[in-house]
Amino acid sequence: MENLRNIPGVQMAPSFNFTGVRAQLAQCDLVVHPAQGWAIATEPPEARVTGFNECAENLAAKICIEYDIAPTALVLVAHYVYAGNEYYFLYHFVHGDHDIFGGITFIGAHRKLLDAGQVAQLLQHLLAGGQPGPEMIAIQNPVQPLRRRTRLSL
């Protein structure tokens, strides 16, 4: 993760605060590239009880707001270190957009475990200055506006 610090445009937030479970304060270490729209959030080991898995929607919204990333451009990767093992998950959401209150709302978080090969490939790609591919964007199936139904006369 430290290697990512050397990428031009990357910002580090060692104590990124957001609203967690039951409106409790939650924290993570964050590496974010606002211009490319990607963020890697590392959950502190002491956060096991109030981890961001239960509040990924809030984390994604706060990242978008703080770093001016469009919800439809966000790539969010969660990084966990437990018992000496590292795990990376790619987050996807059912929907994410600006809300009527001037904020951003994400709903329907689900995550996919990245295997060691995928992680190595992603980190190598980012270190080379590349941007994550469209398959990694958090919003995969944007909600389409409802179409007005037309009546059929018989």
C-alpha atoms as a PDB file:
ATOM      1  CA  MET A   1       0.000   0.000   0.000  1.00  0.00           C
ATOM      2  CA  GLU A   2       2.880   2.359   0.731  1.00  0.00           C
ATOM      3  CA  ASN A   3       4.004   2.109  -2.902  1.00  0.00           C
ATOM      4  CA  LEU A   4       0.736   3.700  -4.002  1.00  0.00           C
ATOM      5  CA  ARG A   5       1.791   6.905  -2.243  1.00  0.00           C
ATOM      6  CA  ASN A   6       4.263   7.588  -5.079  1.00  0.00           C
ATOM      7  CA  ILE A   7       1.598   7.732  -7.792  1.00  0.00           C
ATOM      8  CA  PRO A   8       1.057  11.317  -8.976  1.00  0.00           C
ATOM      9  CA  GLY A   9      -2.364  12.558  -7.861  1.00  0.00           C
ATOM     10  CA  VAL A  10      -2.773  10.078  -4.994  1.00  0.00           C
ATOM     11  CA  GLN A  11      -3.899  11.422  -1.635  1.00  0.00           C
ATOM     12  CA  MET A  12      -3.498   9.616   1.664  1.00  0.00           C
ATOM     13  CA  ALA A  13      -5.899   9.940   4.599  1.00  0.00           C
ATOM     14  CA  PRO A  14      -4.528   7.866   7.485  1.00  0.00           C
ATOM     15  CA  SER A  15      -7.602   8.509   9.634  1.00  0.00           C
ATOM     16  CA  PHE A  16     -10.564   8.978   7.315  1.00  0.00           C
ATOM     17  CA  ASN A  17     -13.727   9.437   9.401  1.00  0.00           C
ATOM     18  CA  PHE A  18     -17.247   8.525   8.312  1.00  0.00           C
ATOM     19  CA  THR A  19     -20.532   7.451   9.861  1.00  0.00           C
ATOM     20  CA  GLY A  20     -20.549   3.801  10.813  1.00  0.00           C
ATOM     21  CA  VAL A  21     -23.053   1.345  12.220  1.00  0.00           C
ATOM     22  CA  ARG A  22     -25.754   2.895  14.439  1.00  0.00           C
ATOM     23  CA  ALA A  23     -24.420   6.374  13.574  1.00  0.00           C
ATOM     24  CA  GLN A  24     -21.158   5.663  15.400  1.00  0.00           C
ATOM     25  CA  LEU A  25     -17.911   7.220  14.217  1.00  0.00           C
ATOM     26  CA  ALA A  26     -15.926   4.842  12.016  1.00  0.00           C
ATOM     27  CA  GLN A  27     -12.430   5.192  10.620  1.00  0.00           C
ATOM     28  CA  CYS A  28     -10.228   3.718   7.965  1.00  0.00           C
ATOM     29  CA  ASP A  29      -6.929   4.445   6.290  1.00  0.00           C
ATOM     30  CA  LEU A  30      -7.617   5.710   2.805  1.00  0.00           C
ATOM     31  CA  VAL A  31      -5.578   5.895  -0.381  1.00  0.00           C
ATOM     32  CA  VAL A  32      -7.528   7.787  -3.028  1.00  0.00           C
ATOM     33  CA  HIS A  33      -6.881   9.065  -6.536  1.00  0.00           C
ATOM     34  CA  PRO A  34      -9.646  11.649  -7.039  1.00  0.00           C
ATOM     35  CA  ALA A  35      -8.881  12.297 -10.720  1.00  0.00           C
ATOM     36  CA  GLN A  36      -9.140   8.589 -11.553  1.00  0.00           C
ATOM     37  CA  GLY A  37     -12.001   7.914  -9.130  1.00  0.00           C
ATOM     38  CA  TRP A  38     -10.509   5.013  -7.190  1.00  0.00           C
ATOM     39  CA  ALA A  39     -10.079   4.497  -3.471  1.00  0.00           C
ATOM     40  CA  ILE A  40      -8.608   1.731  -1.339  1.00  0.00           C
ATOM     41  CA  ALA A  41      -9.856   1.744   2.235  1.00  0.00           C
ATOM     42  CA  THR A  42      -7.964  -0.234   4.867  1.00  0.00           C
ATOM     43  CA  GLU A  43      -9.941  -1.167   7.927  1.00  0.00           C
ATOM     44  CA  PRO A  44      -7.972  -0.828  11.167  1.00  0.00           C
ATOM     45  CA  PRO A  45      -7.650  -4.192  12.986  1.00  0.00           C
ATOM     46  CA  GLU A  46      -9.373  -2.782  16.083  1.00  0.00           C
ATOM     47  CA  ALA A  47     -12.513  -2.077  14.019  1.00  0.00           C
ATOM     48  CA  ARG A  48     -13.667  -5.715  13.979  1.00  0.00           C
ATOM     49  CA  VAL A  49     -16.926  -4.949  15.774  1.00  0.00           C
ATOM     50  CA  THR A  50     -17.775  -1.756  13.910  1.00  0.00           C
ATOM     51  CA  GLY A  51     -16.115  -2.526  10.589  1.00  0.00           C
ATOM     52  CA  PHE A  52     -17.085  -0.779   7.395  1.00  0.00           C
ATOM     53  CA  ASN A  53     -18.524  -3.902   5.822  1.00  0.00           C
ATOM     54  CA  GLU A  54     -21.808  -2.989   7.539  1.00  0.00           C
ATOM     55  CA  CYS A  55     -21.661   0.641   6.416  1.00  0.00           C
ATOM     56  CA  ALA A  56     -19.973   0.547   2.995  1.00  0.00           C
ATOM     57  CA  GLU A  57     -22.712   2.796   1.597  1.00  0.00           C
ATOM     58  CA  ASN A  58     -21.732   5.544   4.045  1.00  0.00           C
ATOM     59  CA  LEU A  59     -18.038   5.090   3.293  1.00  0.00           C
ATOM     60  CA  ALA A  60     -18.620   5.338  -0.467  1.00  0.00           C
ATOM     61  CA  ALA A  61     -20.776   8.448  -0.100  1.00  0.00           C
ATOM     62  CA  LYS A  62     -18.249  10.204   2.134  1.00  0.00           C
ATOM     63  CA  ILE A  63     -15.392   9.417  -0.272  1.00  0.00           C
ATOM     64  CA  CYS A  64     -17.373  10.835  -3.193  1.00  0.00           C
ATOM     65  CA  ILE A  65     -18.253  13.994  -1.260  1.00  0.00           C
ATOM     66  CA  GLU A  66     -14.811  14.630   0.239  1.00  0.00           C
ATOM     67  CA  TYR A  67     -12.884  13.964  -2.972  1.00  0.00           C
ATOM     68  CA  ASP A  68     -15.429  15.196  -5.532  1.00  0.00           C
ATOM     69  CA  ILE A  69     -15.792  11.816  -7.244  1.00  0.00           C
ATOM     70  CA  ALA A  70     -18.985  11.143  -9.193  1.00  0.00           C
ATOM     71  CA  PRO A  71     -20.850   8.154  -7.719  1.00  0.00           C
ATOM     72  CA  THR A  72     -20.971   6.555 -11.166  1.00  0.00           C
ATOM     73  CA  ALA A  73     -17.160   6.814 -11.463  1.00  0.00           C
ATOM     74  CA  LEU A  74     -16.151   5.460  -8.042  1.00  0.00           C
ATOM     75  CA  VAL A  75     -14.035   2.317  -7.741  1.00  0.00           C
ATOM     76  CA  LEU A  76     -13.960   1.190  -4.111  1.00  0.00           C
ATOM     77  CA  VAL A  77     -11.652  -1.540  -2.848  1.00  0.00           C
ATOM     78  CA  ALA A  78     -11.642  -2.616   0.798  1.00  0.00           C
ATOM     79  CA  HIS A  79      -8.416  -3.911   2.301  1.00  0.00           C
ATOM     80  CA  TYR A  80      -8.422  -5.967   5.497  1.00  0.00           C
ATOM     81  CA  VAL A  81      -5.472  -7.362   7.449  1.00  0.00           C
ATOM     82  CA  TYR A  82      -6.348 -10.085   9.976  1.00  0.00           C
ATOM     83  CA  ALA A  83      -4.017 -12.564  11.636  1.00  0.00           C
ATOM     84  CA  GLY A  84      -1.237 -11.692   9.204  1.00  0.00           C
ATOM     85  CA  ASN A  85      -3.377 -12.298   6.116  1.00  0.00           C
ATOM     86  CA  GLU A  86      -4.464  -9.622   3.655  1.00  0.00           C
ATOM     87  CA  TYR A  87      -7.833  -9.593   1.911  1.00  0.00           C
ATOM     88  CA  TYR A  88      -9.077  -7.269  -0.821  1.00  0.00           C
ATOM     89  CA  PHE A  89     -12.733  -6.881  -1.746  1.00  0.00           C
ATOM     90  CA  LEU A  90     -14.211  -4.948  -4.640  1.00  0.00           C
ATOM     91  CA  TYR A  91     -17.437  -3.177  -3.713  1.00  0.00           C
ATOM     92  CA  HIS A  92     -20.445  -2.825  -5.993  1.00  0.00           C
ATOM     93  CA  PHE A  93     -23.740  -1.109  -5.233  1.00  0.00           C
ATOM     94  CA  VAL A  94     -27.221  -1.462  -6.659  1.00  0.00           C
ATOM     95  CA  HIS A  95     -27.492   2.324  -6.924  1.00  0.00           C
ATOM     96  CA  GLY A  96     -25.528   5.456  -6.105  1.00  0.00           C
ATOM     97  CA  ASP A  97     -26.269   9.059  -6.980  1.00  0.00           C
ATOM     98  CA  HIS A  98     -26.769  12.562  -5.660  1.00  0.00           C
ATOM     99  CA  ASP A  99     -29.809  12.741  -3.415  1.00  0.00           C
ATOM    100  CA  ILE A 100     -32.476  15.416  -2.915  1.00  0.00           C
ATOM    101  CA  PHE A 101     -30.749  16.669   0.244  1.00  0.00           C
ATOM    102  CA  GLY A 102     -27.585  17.708  -1.582  1.00  0.00           C
ATOM    103  CA  GLY A 103     -25.612  14.656  -0.509  1.00  0.00           C
ATOM    104  CA  ILE A 104     -24.857  11.318  -2.085  1.00  0.00           C
ATOM    105  CA  THR A 105     -26.622   8.063  -1.332  1.00  0.00           C
ATOM    106  CA  PHE A 106     -25.509   4.538  -2.153  1.00  0.00           C
ATOM    107  CA  ILE A 107     -27.717   1.485  -1.605  1.00  0.00           C
ATOM    108  CA  GLY A 108     -27.364  -2.277  -1.887  1.00  0.00           C
ATOM    109  CA  ALA A 109     -23.690  -2.900  -1.175  1.00  0.00           C
ATOM    110  CA  HIS A 110     -22.177  -6.239  -2.024  1.00  0.00           C
ATOM    111  CA  ARG A 111     -18.548  -7.178  -2.267  1.00  0.00           C
ATOM    112  CA  LYS A 112     -16.425  -9.603  -4.232  1.00  0.00           C
ATOM    113  CA  LEU A 113     -13.216 -11.112  -2.889  1.00  0.00           C
ATOM    114  CA  LEU A 114     -10.272 -10.484  -5.193  1.00  0.00           C
ATOM    115  CA  ASP A 115      -7.823 -13.368  -5.455  1.00  0.00           C
ATOM    116  CA  ALA A 116      -4.072 -12.834  -5.086  1.00  0.00           C
ATOM    117  CA  GLY A 117      -3.557 -12.671  -8.857  1.00  0.00           C
ATOM    118  CA  GLN A 118      -6.253 -10.034  -9.299  1.00  0.00           C
ATOM    119  CA  VAL A 119      -4.794  -7.952  -6.454  1.00  0.00           C
ATOM    120  CA  ALA A 120      -1.259  -8.146  -7.881  1.00  0.00           C
ATOM    121  CA  GLN A 121      -2.536  -7.184 -11.329  1.00  0.00           C
ATOM    122  CA  LEU A 122      -4.581  -4.263  -9.961  1.00  0.00           C
ATOM    123  CA  LEU A 123      -1.733  -2.880  -7.839  1.00  0.00           C
ATOM    124  CA  GLN A 124       0.746  -3.246 -10.693  1.00  0.00           C
ATOM    125  CA  HIS A 125      -1.673  -1.457 -13.023  1.00  0.00           C
ATOM    126  CA  LEU A 126      -2.214   1.401 -10.549  1.00  0.00           C
ATOM    127  CA  LEU A 127       1.518   1.755  -9.867  1.00  0.00           C
ATOM    128  CA  ALA A 128       2.088   2.088 -13.608  1.00  0.00           C
ATOM    129  CA  GLY A 129      -0.338   5.034 -13.621  1.00  0.00           C
ATOM    130  CA  GLY A 130      -3.242   3.078 -15.062  1.00  0.00           C
ATOM    131  CA  GLN A 131      -6.872   3.502 -14.136  1.00  0.00           C
ATOM    132  CA  PRO A 132      -9.114   0.625 -13.016  1.00  0.00           C
ATOM    133  CA  GLY A 133     -11.267  -0.798 -15.782  1.00  0.00           C
ATOM    134  CA  PRO A 134     -14.999  -0.164 -16.124  1.00  0.00           C
ATOM    135  CA  GLU A 135     -15.793  -3.591 -14.662  1.00  0.00           C
ATOM    136  CA  MET A 136     -14.496  -2.299 -11.325  1.00  0.00           C
ATOM    137  CA  ILE A 137     -16.763   0.756 -11.097  1.00  0.00           C
ATOM    138  CA  ALA A 138     -18.972   0.567  -8.022  1.00  0.00           C
ATOM    139  CA  ILE A 139     -22.219   1.160  -9.918  1.00  0.00           C
ATOM    140  CA  GLN A 140     -22.518  -1.619 -12.465  1.00  0.00           C
ATOM    141  CA  ASN A 141     -26.188  -1.407 -13.339  1.00  0.00           C
ATOM    142  CA  PRO A 142     -27.402   2.151 -12.986  1.00  0.00           C
ATOM    143  CA  VAL A 143     -31.094   2.361 -12.187  1.00  0.00           C
ATOM    144  CA  GLN A 144     -32.923   3.413 -15.291  1.00  0.00           C
ATOM    145  CA  PRO A 145     -35.744   5.933 -14.997  1.00  0.00           C
ATOM    146  CA  LEU A 146     -39.179   4.403 -15.212  1.00  0.00           C
ATOM    147  CA  ARG A 147     -40.753   4.757 -18.608  1.00  0.00           C
ATOM    148  CA  ARG A 148     -44.214   6.063 -18.853  1.00  0.00           C
ATOM    149  CA  ARG A 149     -46.602   3.334 -19.781  1.00  0.00           C
ATOM    150  CA  THR A 150     -48.949   3.851 -22.624  1.00  0.00           C
ATOM    151  CA  ARG A 151     -52.445   2.482 -22.558  1.00  0.00           C
ATOM    152  CA  LEU A 152     -53.501   0.107 -25.213  1.00  0.00           C
ATOM    153  CA  SER A 153     -57.064   0.400 -26.313  1.00  0.00           C
ATOM    154  CA  LEU A 154     -58.825  -2.750 -27.318  1.00  0.00           C
END
